Structure formats: C-alpha cells, structure tokens
Amino acid sequence: MTETHKQHDLKPAQVRYIKLGAGNAWADEAIANGTLLFGDRDLAFEAASEGNWDEVRTHWQKKGANAGTVTASTRELREFCELGQDCLWITFHKGRLWWAFAKPGVFRPDGDDLQIGFARKVVNGWSSANIHGAPLYEADLSTSLTKTRAYRRTVCSVPAEAYLLRRINGVVDPSIADLENIEAQLADIVSRLITELNDTDFEILISLIAERLGWVRRSALGGPQADIDFAADIPALGVRGYFQVKSAANKAVFDQFLKTIPDPGPTRRAIFACHTYSGVSPAGEGIELWDGPTIAGKTVALGLSGWVKEHIG
C-alpha cells in the first residue's frame, strides 16, 4: 500500500525499472507486503546472495542459455541484489507509477505459492504519489517514461530519469513554468480588454466560448428572450445550459436570473457570465459564474484572444 514519504527532493544515486514477475503478476503482492521481488525458485540463490557471480553465470550456462542471455540475466540479478538503498526502483501497475527504495540484503520468501526466488524489503512501502501526495497516474505521464514498461526482461535503467524525478518531486519543467507565466500575463491583458467590449460583442464572445467548449446553441442569441440570452445543449451528455450575459451585475440581477430558469442540477446548468459584478456568489449544483478572470482564461485557452483584439482595435 502507499505510504507517506517525507517531503524532500529525491536524489537517488541510480534509478531502475523492475517488472515484478511476468506481466507484472507479482505487483499486488509486492506492493501489499512492501517488497521488491525477482526471479524463480530455480535461480542460484546461495551463489547470488554471496556475490559469487561466476557461479551464477555457470548456473545459466548449464541451463542452456546463450551468451547474451547469460550476460543480461547475470547483470539484472546482480543489480537486484547489490544496488544500494540509494537506488530508486519504479514499476507500473493498475494505471499508476509506483516507486520505492529497497533495503540492503536479499531473502527467499517463505511459504510462497508464487515460487519467487529473491526478495528485498522496501523503505516506507511503495508509493504511487509524488512527494506532495499528488497521484502519479500513468495516463498523465510522458511516453518517454511510460514506454519503459515495454522492456521485455526484468530490470533496466530509465532513459527519462530527469523527467521521472521531476514528476516524483513535484517540480514543474522550467519551460512549462515560463509558458504558464506568459499565459497568465496574456489572460490578465485579455481580462482588461474584455471590459472594453460593447454589450453585443461581449455576448458574442460568450457564445463563441460556449461553442468551443462543446455547447450547441438551441436558441437565438439575445433577442426577445427576457430571462436568458441563449440556451445550449451538450448533446453527448444530455445537458441543457441556460446562459445569461451581463457586462455588469449585482446580487439582485443574479438572483432574478436563477428564479426564472428551471432548477439547476446534473442535467441543467445555469451559467451567468459577467466581467464586472458585486455581491454575486453562486452556490449549488449546476450553477456557474463566469467572471472576468474565468472568461479571460477560457478566451486564451480556446484561441479567441485575436477575436477580442479585433473587436477592440
């Protein structure tokens, strides 16, 4: 199970990927028991545990292994047995990246139905979160790292080691940090520009944002509708949205909007878009306030900054 690890940057001396049994079949047992597992019962346990690697090589040669297999198998078992407590071990299991450090010393598990040859205890258990507690989902990781799981043998180095350590340490890539700063500055500028749009253009902008988010308008924009500016659906989700767009509003205007539409819930959304407001505090399922910063962020993310610039300039 996942244990809590101290919040300090990991700086391992080595990093290794390990496949815990064929197809990672031993992963559940290893994670539950806090162990690192390797190899079958017929491996030369005594020779390996004593560091007699010539005898280990002879063991595989007698089994008919070719020279390449003998070399690779000896290297993997030796790394499993001898890499120190400063080696970071990783594996992938059930959609997550797992990591641990292993204590020195190998042992043969007793009463083991899986017939595992070698084991080491890990320090503080396996973890599938970064040092700050955020889950390490495999789907969120770069293929430069996750492709390591395709390694056909048991133990290997990790080419994307620097990336792996950034993710475990919760460190943002410097280039991404630079990009996020630029995006924040752009959103701040767009937020100011949005306040200069006339009411018609502001309403059109909100409609464009909604459409790029997957909403399909089911009513005309503005016009004679007294209670809303437009209604829209997300057909794939069976959700209906009621949009009210105001350049400026107060709590009374917002409360009146909520009174005149069907009760919001899982399939009905009330979206109030307003860049300048006072006293508006949405609460309840299905109620959304798109304020100035929210609208600006969506405008930047959805590529509508140019549209805003054109309609101001």
C-alpha atoms as a PDB file:
ATOM      1  CA  MET A   1       0.000   0.000   0.000  1.00  0.00           C
ATOM      2  CA  THR A   2       1.052   3.598  -0.431  1.00  0.00           C
ATOM      3  CA  GLU A   3       2.983   5.069   2.492  1.00  0.00           C
ATOM      4  CA  THR A   4       3.615   8.710   3.353  1.00  0.00           C
ATOM      5  CA  HIS A   5       7.097   9.820   2.315  1.00  0.00           C
ATOM      6  CA  LYS A   6       8.935  12.831   3.704  1.00  0.00           C
ATOM      7  CA  GLN A   7       8.626  15.998   1.648  1.00  0.00           C
ATOM      8  CA  HIS A   8      12.196  16.414   0.456  1.00  0.00           C
ATOM      9  CA  ASP A   9      13.500  16.087  -3.068  1.00  0.00           C
ATOM     10  CA  LEU A  10      14.548  12.599  -4.068  1.00  0.00           C
ATOM     11  CA  LYS A  11      18.133  12.452  -5.312  1.00  0.00           C
ATOM     12  CA  PRO A  12      18.817   8.764  -5.960  1.00  0.00           C
ATOM     13  CA  ALA A  13      22.227   7.518  -6.995  1.00  0.00           C
ATOM     14  CA  GLN A  14      20.638   5.181  -9.558  1.00  0.00           C
ATOM     15  CA  VAL A  15      17.183   4.552 -10.994  1.00  0.00           C
ATOM     16  CA  ARG A  16      15.887   1.196 -12.189  1.00  0.00           C
ATOM     17  CA  TYR A  17      12.640  -0.074 -13.664  1.00  0.00           C
ATOM     18  CA  ILE A  18      11.596  -3.535 -12.488  1.00  0.00           C
ATOM     19  CA  LYS A  19       8.956  -5.851 -13.868  1.00  0.00           C
ATOM     20  CA  LEU A  20       7.510  -7.668 -10.864  1.00  0.00           C
ATOM     21  CA  GLY A  21       7.004 -11.096 -12.374  1.00  0.00           C
ATOM     22  CA  ALA A  22       5.804 -11.986 -15.862  1.00  0.00           C
ATOM     23  CA  GLY A  23       3.302  -9.341 -16.907  1.00  0.00           C
ATOM     24  CA  ASN A  24       3.887  -7.695 -13.500  1.00  0.00           C
ATOM     25  CA  ALA A  25       1.852 -10.544 -11.969  1.00  0.00           C
ATOM     26  CA  TRP A  26       3.586 -10.182  -8.591  1.00  0.00           C
ATOM     27  CA  ALA A  27       2.878  -6.441  -8.275  1.00  0.00           C
ATOM     28  CA  ASP A  28      -0.122  -6.805  -5.939  1.00  0.00           C
ATOM     29  CA  GLU A  29       1.874  -8.948  -3.534  1.00  0.00           C
ATOM     30  CA  ALA A  30       4.961  -6.729  -3.714  1.00  0.00           C
ATOM     31  CA  ILE A  31       3.008  -3.523  -3.067  1.00  0.00           C
ATOM     32  CA  ALA A  32       0.893  -5.044  -0.301  1.00  0.00           C
ATOM     33  CA  ASN A  33       3.896  -6.544   1.513  1.00  0.00           C
ATOM     34  CA  GLY A  34       6.406  -3.782   0.839  1.00  0.00           C
ATOM     35  CA  THR A  35       8.844  -5.928  -1.084  1.00  0.00           C
ATOM     36  CA  LEU A  36      10.912  -5.949  -4.252  1.00  0.00           C
ATOM     37  CA  LEU A  37      10.624  -9.328  -5.989  1.00  0.00           C
ATOM     38  CA  PHE A  38      12.749 -11.084  -8.606  1.00  0.00           C
ATOM     39  CA  GLY A  39      13.178 -14.421 -10.319  1.00  0.00           C
ATOM     40  CA  ASP A  40      12.111 -18.012  -9.925  1.00  0.00           C
ATOM     41  CA  ARG A  41      12.995 -20.560  -7.246  1.00  0.00           C
ATOM     42  CA  ASP A  42      15.406 -22.399  -9.529  1.00  0.00           C
ATOM     43  CA  LEU A  43      17.873 -19.486  -9.618  1.00  0.00           C
ATOM     44  CA  ALA A  44      21.189 -19.838  -7.785  1.00  0.00           C
ATOM     45  CA  PHE A  45      20.111 -18.116  -4.569  1.00  0.00           C
ATOM     46  CA  GLU A  46      23.113 -19.023  -2.417  1.00  0.00           C
ATOM     47  CA  ALA A  47      25.642 -18.016  -5.065  1.00  0.00           C
ATOM     48  CA  ALA A  48      23.876 -14.725  -5.833  1.00  0.00           C
ATOM     49  CA  SER A  49      23.326 -13.773  -2.195  1.00  0.00           C
ATOM     50  CA  GLU A  50      27.049 -14.349  -1.559  1.00  0.00           C
ATOM     51  CA  GLY A  51      28.076 -12.366  -4.656  1.00  0.00           C
ATOM     52  CA  ASN A  52      29.554 -15.363  -6.485  1.00  0.00           C
ATOM     53  CA  TRP A  53      28.650 -14.161  -9.974  1.00  0.00           C
ATOM     54  CA  ASP A  54      30.868 -16.625 -11.820  1.00  0.00           C
ATOM     55  CA  GLU A  55      28.831 -19.442 -10.294  1.00  0.00           C
ATOM     56  CA  VAL A  56      25.629 -17.624 -11.265  1.00  0.00           C
ATOM     57  CA  ARG A  57      26.823 -17.390 -14.868  1.00  0.00           C
ATOM     58  CA  THR A  58      27.686 -21.094 -14.804  1.00  0.00           C
ATOM     59  CA  HIS A  59      24.181 -21.828 -13.478  1.00  0.00           C
ATOM     60  CA  TRP A  60      22.593 -20.227 -16.554  1.00  0.00           C
ATOM     61  CA  GLN A  61      25.096 -21.757 -18.928  1.00  0.00           C
ATOM     62  CA  LYS A  62      24.176 -25.200 -17.617  1.00  0.00           C
ATOM     63  CA  LYS A  63      20.542 -24.396 -18.315  1.00  0.00           C
ATOM     64  CA  GLY A  64      21.466 -23.889 -21.971  1.00  0.00           C
ATOM     65  CA  ALA A  65      21.200 -20.101 -22.105  1.00  0.00           C
ATOM     66  CA  ASN A  66      23.102 -18.370 -24.894  1.00  0.00           C
ATOM     67  CA  ALA A  67      25.903 -15.902 -24.143  1.00  0.00           C
ATOM     68  CA  GLY A  68      23.672 -12.819 -24.491  1.00  0.00           C
ATOM     69  CA  THR A  69      21.067 -14.223 -22.129  1.00  0.00           C
ATOM     70  CA  VAL A  70      23.709 -15.253 -19.592  1.00  0.00           C
ATOM     71  CA  THR A  71      25.188 -11.757 -19.575  1.00  0.00           C
ATOM     72  CA  ALA A  72      21.823  -9.968 -19.352  1.00  0.00           C
ATOM     73  CA  SER A  73      20.405 -12.299 -16.699  1.00  0.00           C
ATOM     74  CA  THR A  74      23.514 -12.030 -14.524  1.00  0.00           C
ATOM     75  CA  ARG A  75      23.518  -8.244 -14.837  1.00  0.00           C
ATOM     76  CA  GLU A  76      19.836  -7.989 -13.805  1.00  0.00           C
ATOM     77  CA  LEU A  77      20.154 -10.308 -10.810  1.00  0.00           C
ATOM     78  CA  ARG A  78      23.362  -8.613  -9.691  1.00  0.00           C
ATOM     79  CA  GLU A  79      21.717  -5.178  -9.823  1.00  0.00           C
ATOM     80  CA  PHE A  80      18.715  -6.509  -7.896  1.00  0.00           C
ATOM     81  CA  CYS A  81      20.960  -7.907  -5.175  1.00  0.00           C
ATOM     82  CA  GLU A  82      23.674  -5.250  -4.971  1.00  0.00           C
ATOM     83  CA  LEU A  83      22.253  -1.837  -5.798  1.00  0.00           C
ATOM     84  CA  GLY A  84      22.122   0.110  -2.565  1.00  0.00           C
ATOM     85  CA  GLN A  85      19.373   1.797  -0.606  1.00  0.00           C
ATOM     86  CA  ASP A  86      20.013   4.947  -2.664  1.00  0.00           C
ATOM     87  CA  CYS A  87      18.661   3.272  -5.829  1.00  0.00           C
ATOM     88  CA  LEU A  88      15.145   4.298  -6.808  1.00  0.00           C
ATOM     89  CA  TRP A  89      13.015   1.421  -8.136  1.00  0.00           C
ATOM     90  CA  ILE A  90       9.906   2.027 -10.238  1.00  0.00           C
ATOM     91  CA  THR A  91       7.176  -0.066 -11.808  1.00  0.00           C
ATOM     92  CA  PHE A  92       3.771   0.476 -13.418  1.00  0.00           C
ATOM     93  CA  HIS A  93       0.637  -1.158 -12.040  1.00  0.00           C
ATOM     94  CA  LYS A  94      -3.109  -0.556 -12.344  1.00  0.00           C
ATOM     95  CA  GLY A  95      -2.734   2.736 -14.149  1.00  0.00           C
ATOM     96  CA  ARG A  96      -0.186   4.271 -11.769  1.00  0.00           C
ATOM     97  CA  LEU A  97       3.540   4.742 -11.450  1.00  0.00           C
ATOM     98  CA  TRP A  98       4.889   3.148  -8.261  1.00  0.00           C
ATOM     99  CA  TRP A  99       8.265   3.872  -6.676  1.00  0.00           C
ATOM    100  CA  ALA A 100      10.307   2.713  -3.698  1.00  0.00           C
ATOM    101  CA  PHE A 101      13.777   2.369  -2.225  1.00  0.00           C
ATOM    102  CA  ALA A 102      14.928  -1.101  -1.156  1.00  0.00           C
ATOM    103  CA  LYS A 103      16.818  -2.047   1.994  1.00  0.00           C
ATOM    104  CA  PRO A 104      20.100  -3.966   1.587  1.00  0.00           C
ATOM    105  CA  GLY A 105      20.023  -7.751   1.755  1.00  0.00           C
ATOM    106  CA  VAL A 106      18.093 -10.367  -0.183  1.00  0.00           C
ATOM    107  CA  PHE A 107      15.982 -13.210   1.173  1.00  0.00           C
ATOM    108  CA  ARG A 108      13.875 -16.017  -0.191  1.00  0.00           C
ATOM    109  CA  PRO A 109      10.167 -15.604   0.668  1.00  0.00           C
ATOM    110  CA  ASP A 110       8.824 -18.441   2.854  1.00  0.00           C
ATOM    111  CA  GLY A 111       5.531 -20.206   2.167  1.00  0.00           C
ATOM    112  CA  ASP A 112       5.307 -18.537  -1.217  1.00  0.00           C
ATOM    113  CA  ASP A 113       2.792 -20.015  -3.656  1.00  0.00           C
ATOM    114  CA  LEU A 114       4.237 -17.843  -6.445  1.00  0.00           C
ATOM    115  CA  GLN A 115       7.644 -19.562  -6.196  1.00  0.00           C
ATOM    116  CA  ILE A 116       9.541 -16.271  -6.110  1.00  0.00           C
ATOM    117  CA  GLY A 117      13.322 -16.629  -5.930  1.00  0.00           C
ATOM    118  CA  PHE A 118      14.521 -13.345  -4.409  1.00  0.00           C
ATOM    119  CA  ALA A 119      13.051 -10.525  -2.326  1.00  0.00           C
ATOM    120  CA  ARG A 120      14.143  -7.287  -0.662  1.00  0.00           C
ATOM    121  CA  LYS A 121      12.184  -5.160   1.793  1.00  0.00           C
ATOM    122  CA  VAL A 122      11.430  -1.633   0.667  1.00  0.00           C
ATOM    123  CA  VAL A 123      11.774   1.517   2.778  1.00  0.00           C
ATOM    124  CA  ASN A 124       8.459   3.036   3.941  1.00  0.00           C
ATOM    125  CA  GLY A 125       6.453   0.995   1.451  1.00  0.00           C
ATOM    126  CA  TRP A 126       5.692   1.599  -2.205  1.00  0.00           C
ATOM    127  CA  SER A 127       4.228   4.954  -3.221  1.00  0.00           C
ATOM    128  CA  SER A 128       2.097   5.919  -6.225  1.00  0.00           C
ATOM    129  CA  ALA A 129       2.064   9.652  -5.462  1.00  0.00           C
ATOM    130  CA  ASN A 130       4.626  12.422  -5.682  1.00  0.00           C
ATOM    131  CA  ILE A 131       6.324  13.664  -2.511  1.00  0.00           C
ATOM    132  CA  HIS A 132       3.494  16.174  -2.015  1.00  0.00           C
ATOM    133  CA  GLY A 133       0.784  13.489  -2.187  1.00  0.00           C
ATOM    134  CA  ALA A 134      -0.490  14.053  -5.749  1.00  0.00           C
ATOM    135  CA  PRO A 135      -1.291  10.762  -7.548  1.00  0.00           C
ATOM    136  CA  LEU A 136       1.072   9.664 -10.322  1.00  0.00           C
ATOM    137  CA  TYR A 137      -1.377   8.431 -12.968  1.00  0.00           C
ATOM    138  CA  GLU A 138       0.253   6.670 -15.890  1.00  0.00           C
ATOM    139  CA  ALA A 139      -2.071   8.425 -18.352  1.00  0.00           C
ATOM    140  CA  ASP A 140      -0.695  11.794 -17.186  1.00  0.00           C
ATOM    141  CA  LEU A 141       2.938  10.834 -17.784  1.00  0.00           C
ATOM    142  CA  SER A 142       5.019  11.302 -20.913  1.00  0.00           C
ATOM    143  CA  THR A 143       5.503   8.284 -23.159  1.00  0.00           C
ATOM    144  CA  SER A 144       9.238   8.984 -22.836  1.00  0.00           C
ATOM    145  CA  LEU A 145       8.820   7.402 -19.395  1.00  0.00           C
ATOM    146  CA  THR A 146       5.868   5.020 -19.766  1.00  0.00           C
ATOM    147  CA  LYS A 147       7.419   3.265 -22.776  1.00  0.00           C
ATOM    148  CA  THR A 148       9.908   1.773 -20.288  1.00  0.00           C
ATOM    149  CA  ARG A 149       7.237  -0.721 -19.245  1.00  0.00           C
ATOM    150  CA  ALA A 150       7.607  -2.357 -22.680  1.00  0.00           C
ATOM    151  CA  TYR A 151      11.064  -3.634 -21.652  1.00  0.00           C
ATOM    152  CA  ARG A 152      10.910  -7.387 -22.243  1.00  0.00           C
ATOM    153  CA  ARG A 153      13.218  -8.526 -19.475  1.00  0.00           C
ATOM    154  CA  THR A 154      13.102  -7.668 -15.754  1.00  0.00           C
ATOM    155  CA  VAL A 155      15.420  -4.823 -14.707  1.00  0.00           C
ATOM    156  CA  CYS A 156      16.631  -1.869 -16.765  1.00  0.00           C
ATOM    157  CA  SER A 157      17.766   1.736 -16.459  1.00  0.00           C
ATOM    158  CA  VAL A 158      15.275   4.551 -17.113  1.00  0.00           C
ATOM    159  CA  PRO A 159      16.176   6.809 -20.076  1.00  0.00           C
ATOM    160  CA  ALA A 160      13.739   9.533 -18.956  1.00  0.00           C
ATOM    161  CA  GLU A 161      15.319   9.688 -15.499  1.00  0.00           C
ATOM    162  CA  ALA A 162      15.352  13.503 -15.225  1.00  0.00           C
ATOM    163  CA  TYR A 163      11.680  13.692 -16.203  1.00  0.00           C
ATOM    164  CA  LEU A 164      10.785  10.911 -13.738  1.00  0.00           C
ATOM    165  CA  LEU A 165      12.478  12.705 -10.846  1.00  0.00           C
ATOM    166  CA  ARG A 166      10.733  15.988 -11.696  1.00  0.00           C
ATOM    167  CA  ARG A 167       7.367  14.240 -11.558  1.00  0.00           C
ATOM    168  CA  ILE A 168       8.066  12.425  -8.289  1.00  0.00           C
ATOM    169  CA  ASN A 169       9.474  15.605  -6.735  1.00  0.00           C
ATOM    170  CA  GLY A 170       6.519  17.634  -7.992  1.00  0.00           C
ATOM    171  CA  VAL A 171       8.785  20.029  -9.898  1.00  0.00           C
ATOM    172  CA  VAL A 172       7.388  21.875 -12.902  1.00  0.00           C
ATOM    173  CA  ASP A 173       9.555  21.825 -16.019  1.00  0.00           C
ATOM    174  CA  PRO A 174      11.213  25.284 -16.305  1.00  0.00           C
ATOM    175  CA  SER A 175       9.890  25.760 -19.839  1.00  0.00           C
ATOM    176  CA  ILE A 176       6.366  24.931 -18.699  1.00  0.00           C
ATOM    177  CA  ALA A 177       6.722  27.411 -15.839  1.00  0.00           C
ATOM    178  CA  ASP A 178       7.791  30.073 -18.339  1.00  0.00           C
ATOM    179  CA  LEU A 179       4.817  29.257 -20.556  1.00  0.00           C
ATOM    180  CA  GLU A 180       2.383  29.396 -17.633  1.00  0.00           C
ATOM    181  CA  ASN A 181       3.740  32.818 -16.656  1.00  0.00           C
ATOM    182  CA  ILE A 182       3.242  34.087 -20.196  1.00  0.00           C
ATOM    183  CA  GLU A 183      -0.282  32.638 -20.323  1.00  0.00           C
ATOM    184  CA  ALA A 184      -1.118  34.309 -17.004  1.00  0.00           C
ATOM    185  CA  GLN A 185       0.144  37.654 -18.284  1.00  0.00           C
ATOM    186  CA  LEU A 186      -1.852  37.240 -21.502  1.00  0.00           C
ATOM    187  CA  ALA A 187      -5.007  36.324 -19.564  1.00  0.00           C
ATOM    188  CA  ASP A 188      -4.574  39.443 -17.417  1.00  0.00           C
ATOM    189  CA  ILE A 189      -4.330  41.629 -20.530  1.00  0.00           C
ATOM    190  CA  VAL A 190      -7.334  39.907 -22.142  1.00  0.00           C
ATOM    191  CA  SER A 191      -9.325  40.342 -18.927  1.00  0.00           C
ATOM    192  CA  ARG A 192      -8.807  44.107 -19.164  1.00  0.00           C
ATOM    193  CA  LEU A 193      -9.664  44.183 -22.873  1.00  0.00           C
ATOM    194  CA  ILE A 194     -12.894  42.252 -22.312  1.00  0.00           C
ATOM    195  CA  THR A 195     -14.235  45.084 -20.164  1.00  0.00           C
ATOM    196  CA  GLU A 196     -13.936  47.350 -23.213  1.00  0.00           C
ATOM    197  CA  LEU A 197     -16.199  45.199 -25.413  1.00  0.00           C
ATOM    198  CA  ASN A 198     -19.679  46.572 -26.061  1.00  0.00           C
ATOM    199  CA  ASP A 199     -22.598  44.513 -24.795  1.00  0.00           C
ATOM    200  CA  THR A 200     -23.279  42.875 -28.167  1.00  0.00           C
ATOM    201  CA  ASP A 201     -19.666  41.809 -28.727  1.00  0.00           C
ATOM    202  CA  PHE A 202     -19.381  40.554 -25.140  1.00  0.00           C
ATOM    203  CA  GLU A 203     -22.461  38.409 -25.693  1.00  0.00           C
ATOM    204  CA  ILE A 204     -20.985  37.050 -28.938  1.00  0.00           C
ATOM    205  CA  LEU A 205     -17.706  36.243 -27.157  1.00  0.00           C
ATOM    206  CA  ILE A 206     -19.535  34.199 -24.517  1.00  0.00           C
ATOM    207  CA  SER A 207     -21.419  32.366 -27.265  1.00  0.00           C
ATOM    208  CA  LEU A 208     -18.127  31.587 -29.062  1.00  0.00           C
ATOM    209  CA  ILE A 209     -16.579  30.308 -25.832  1.00  0.00           C
ATOM    210  CA  ALA A 210     -19.598  28.087 -25.182  1.00  0.00           C
ATOM    211  CA  GLU A 211     -19.476  26.666 -28.712  1.00  0.00           C
ATOM    212  CA  ARG A 212     -15.761  25.825 -28.442  1.00  0.00           C
ATOM    213  CA  LEU A 213     -16.455  24.101 -25.131  1.00  0.00           C
ATOM    214  CA  GLY A 214     -18.924  21.819 -26.904  1.00  0.00           C
ATOM    215  CA  TRP A 215     -22.200  23.646 -26.301  1.00  0.00           C
ATOM    216  CA  VAL A 216     -24.661  23.727 -29.229  1.00  0.00           C
ATOM    217  CA  ARG A 217     -26.968  26.731 -29.159  1.00  0.00           C
ATOM    218  CA  ARG A 218     -30.680  25.851 -29.206  1.00  0.00           C
ATOM    219  CA  SER A 219     -31.988  29.395 -29.211  1.00  0.00           C
ATOM    220  CA  ALA A 220     -31.205  32.691 -30.855  1.00  0.00           C
ATOM    221  CA  LEU A 221     -28.578  34.924 -29.317  1.00  0.00           C
ATOM    222  CA  GLY A 222     -30.215  37.717 -27.327  1.00  0.00           C
ATOM    223  CA  GLY A 223     -33.386  38.986 -28.923  1.00  0.00           C
ATOM    224  CA  PRO A 224     -36.810  38.888 -27.260  1.00  0.00           C
ATOM    225  CA  GLN A 225     -35.880  36.295 -24.581  1.00  0.00           C
ATOM    226  CA  ALA A 226     -36.465  38.090 -21.322  1.00  0.00           C
ATOM    227  CA  ASP A 227     -34.903  35.633 -18.908  1.00  0.00           C
ATOM    228  CA  ILE A 228     -31.821  34.305 -20.718  1.00  0.00           C
ATOM    229  CA  ASP A 229     -29.507  35.326 -23.538  1.00  0.00           C
ATOM    230  CA  PHE A 230     -29.356  31.861 -25.057  1.00  0.00           C
ATOM    231  CA  ALA A 231     -29.907  28.193 -24.314  1.00  0.00           C
ATOM    232  CA  ALA A 232     -27.500  25.491 -25.419  1.00  0.00           C
ATOM    233  CA  ASP A 233     -27.014  21.740 -25.119  1.00  0.00           C
ATOM    234  CA  ILE A 234     -24.138  19.319 -24.847  1.00  0.00           C
ATOM    235  CA  PRO A 235     -25.879  16.516 -26.768  1.00  0.00           C
ATOM    236  CA  ALA A 236     -23.434  13.758 -25.844  1.00  0.00           C
ATOM    237  CA  LEU A 237     -24.035  14.392 -22.131  1.00  0.00           C
ATOM    238  CA  GLY A 238     -27.724  15.235 -22.311  1.00  0.00           C
ATOM    239  CA  VAL A 239     -27.094  18.559 -20.583  1.00  0.00           C
ATOM    240  CA  ARG A 240     -29.009  21.793 -21.172  1.00  0.00           C
ATOM    241  CA  GLY A 241     -27.428  25.141 -20.301  1.00  0.00           C
ATOM    242  CA  TYR A 242     -29.154  28.478 -19.709  1.00  0.00           C
ATOM    243  CA  PHE A 243     -26.801  31.413 -20.308  1.00  0.00           C
ATOM    244  CA  GLN A 244     -27.231  34.952 -19.026  1.00  0.00           C
ATOM    245  CA  VAL A 245     -24.643  37.514 -20.155  1.00  0.00           C
ATOM    246  CA  LYS A 246     -24.166  40.836 -18.377  1.00  0.00           C
ATOM    247  CA  SER A 247     -21.318  43.311 -18.591  1.00  0.00           C
ATOM    248  CA  ALA A 248     -22.065  44.392 -15.025  1.00  0.00           C
ATOM    249  CA  ALA A 249     -24.450  42.995 -12.433  1.00  0.00           C
ATOM    250  CA  ASN A 250     -25.205  42.757  -8.729  1.00  0.00           C
ATOM    251  CA  LYS A 251     -26.715  40.087  -6.497  1.00  0.00           C
ATOM    252  CA  ALA A 252     -30.292  41.133  -7.291  1.00  0.00           C
ATOM    253  CA  VAL A 253     -29.740  40.606 -11.035  1.00  0.00           C
ATOM    254  CA  PHE A 254     -28.106  37.230 -10.419  1.00  0.00           C
ATOM    255  CA  ASP A 255     -30.889  36.052  -8.063  1.00  0.00           C
ATOM    256  CA  GLN A 256     -33.545  37.094 -10.586  1.00  0.00           C
ATOM    257  CA  PHE A 257     -31.784  35.032 -13.270  1.00  0.00           C
ATOM    258  CA  LEU A 258     -31.887  31.937 -11.047  1.00  0.00           C
ATOM    259  CA  LYS A 259     -35.600  32.431 -10.331  1.00  0.00           C
ATOM    260  CA  THR A 260     -36.591  32.456 -13.985  1.00  0.00           C
ATOM    261  CA  ILE A 261     -34.958  29.212 -15.186  1.00  0.00           C
ATOM    262  CA  PRO A 262     -35.605  25.536 -14.364  1.00  0.00           C
ATOM    263  CA  ASP A 263     -33.870  24.313 -11.215  1.00  0.00           C
ATOM    264  CA  PRO A 264     -30.181  23.673 -11.986  1.00  0.00           C
ATOM    265  CA  GLY A 265     -28.874  20.163 -11.420  1.00  0.00           C
ATOM    266  CA  PRO A 266     -26.940  17.341 -13.074  1.00  0.00           C
ATOM    267  CA  THR A 267     -28.650  17.866 -16.456  1.00  0.00           C
ATOM    268  CA  ARG A 268     -29.399  21.596 -16.270  1.00  0.00           C
ATOM    269  CA  ARG A 269     -26.749  24.266 -15.888  1.00  0.00           C
ATOM    270  CA  ALA A 270     -27.208  27.932 -15.085  1.00  0.00           C
ATOM    271  CA  ILE A 271     -24.259  29.903 -16.473  1.00  0.00           C
ATOM    272  CA  PHE A 272     -24.022  33.577 -15.514  1.00  0.00           C
ATOM    273  CA  ALA A 273     -21.302  35.389 -17.481  1.00  0.00           C
ATOM    274  CA  CYS A 274     -20.350  38.793 -16.102  1.00  0.00           C
ATOM    275  CA  HIS A 275     -16.963  40.523 -16.163  1.00  0.00           C
ATOM    276  CA  THR A 276     -17.839  43.185 -13.568  1.00  0.00           C
ATOM    277  CA  TYR A 277     -20.064  42.305 -10.602  1.00  0.00           C
ATOM    278  CA  SER A 278     -20.651  42.798  -6.907  1.00  0.00           C
ATOM    279  CA  GLY A 279     -22.288  40.521  -4.367  1.00  0.00           C
ATOM    280  CA  VAL A 280     -22.652  37.600  -6.781  1.00  0.00           C
ATOM    281  CA  SER A 281     -21.813  34.335  -5.047  1.00  0.00           C
ATOM    282  CA  PRO A 282     -23.052  31.202  -6.834  1.00  0.00           C
ATOM    283  CA  ALA A 283     -23.856  28.193  -4.697  1.00  0.00           C
ATOM    284  CA  GLY A 284     -25.459  24.905  -5.575  1.00  0.00           C
ATOM    285  CA  GLU A 285     -25.104  22.137  -8.126  1.00  0.00           C
ATOM    286  CA  GLY A 286     -25.222  23.193 -11.747  1.00  0.00           C
ATOM    287  CA  ILE A 287     -24.697  26.926 -11.098  1.00  0.00           C
ATOM    288  CA  GLU A 288     -21.631  28.539 -12.674  1.00  0.00           C
ATOM    289  CA  LEU A 289     -20.292  32.082 -12.536  1.00  0.00           C
ATOM    290  CA  TRP A 290     -18.027  33.018 -15.399  1.00  0.00           C
ATOM    291  CA  ASP A 291     -16.314  36.104 -14.001  1.00  0.00           C
ATOM    292  CA  GLY A 292     -13.715  38.277 -15.723  1.00  0.00           C
ATOM    293  CA  PRO A 293     -10.654  36.108 -14.974  1.00  0.00           C
ATOM    294  CA  THR A 294     -12.577  32.923 -15.846  1.00  0.00           C
ATOM    295  CA  ILE A 295     -13.735  34.349 -19.161  1.00  0.00           C
ATOM    296  CA  ALA A 296     -10.248  35.656 -19.941  1.00  0.00           C
ATOM    297  CA  GLY A 297      -8.704  32.264 -19.169  1.00  0.00           C
ATOM    298  CA  LYS A 298     -11.172  30.492 -21.441  1.00  0.00           C
ATOM    299  CA  THR A 299     -10.611  33.098 -24.152  1.00  0.00           C
ATOM    300  CA  VAL A 300      -6.861  32.464 -24.123  1.00  0.00           C
ATOM    301  CA  ALA A 301      -7.139  28.684 -23.859  1.00  0.00           C
ATOM    302  CA  LEU A 302      -9.656  28.475 -26.703  1.00  0.00           C
ATOM    303  CA  GLY A 303      -7.723  30.715 -29.077  1.00  0.00           C
ATOM    304  CA  LEU A 304     -10.108  33.680 -29.022  1.00  0.00           C
ATOM    305  CA  SER A 305      -7.621  36.355 -27.958  1.00  0.00           C
ATOM    306  CA  GLY A 306      -7.305  37.525 -31.569  1.00  0.00           C
ATOM    307  CA  TRP A 307     -11.079  37.899 -31.835  1.00  0.00           C
ATOM    308  CA  VAL A 308     -11.101  40.142 -28.756  1.00  0.00           C
ATOM    309  CA  LYS A 309      -8.226  42.224 -30.135  1.00  0.00           C
ATOM    310  CA  GLU A 310     -10.022  42.730 -33.455  1.00  0.00           C
ATOM    311  CA  HIS A 311     -13.221  43.855 -31.776  1.00  0.00           C
ATOM    312  CA  ILE A 312     -11.410  46.348 -29.539  1.00  0.00           C
ATOM    313  CA  GLY A 313      -8.983  47.773 -32.094  1.00  0.00           C
END
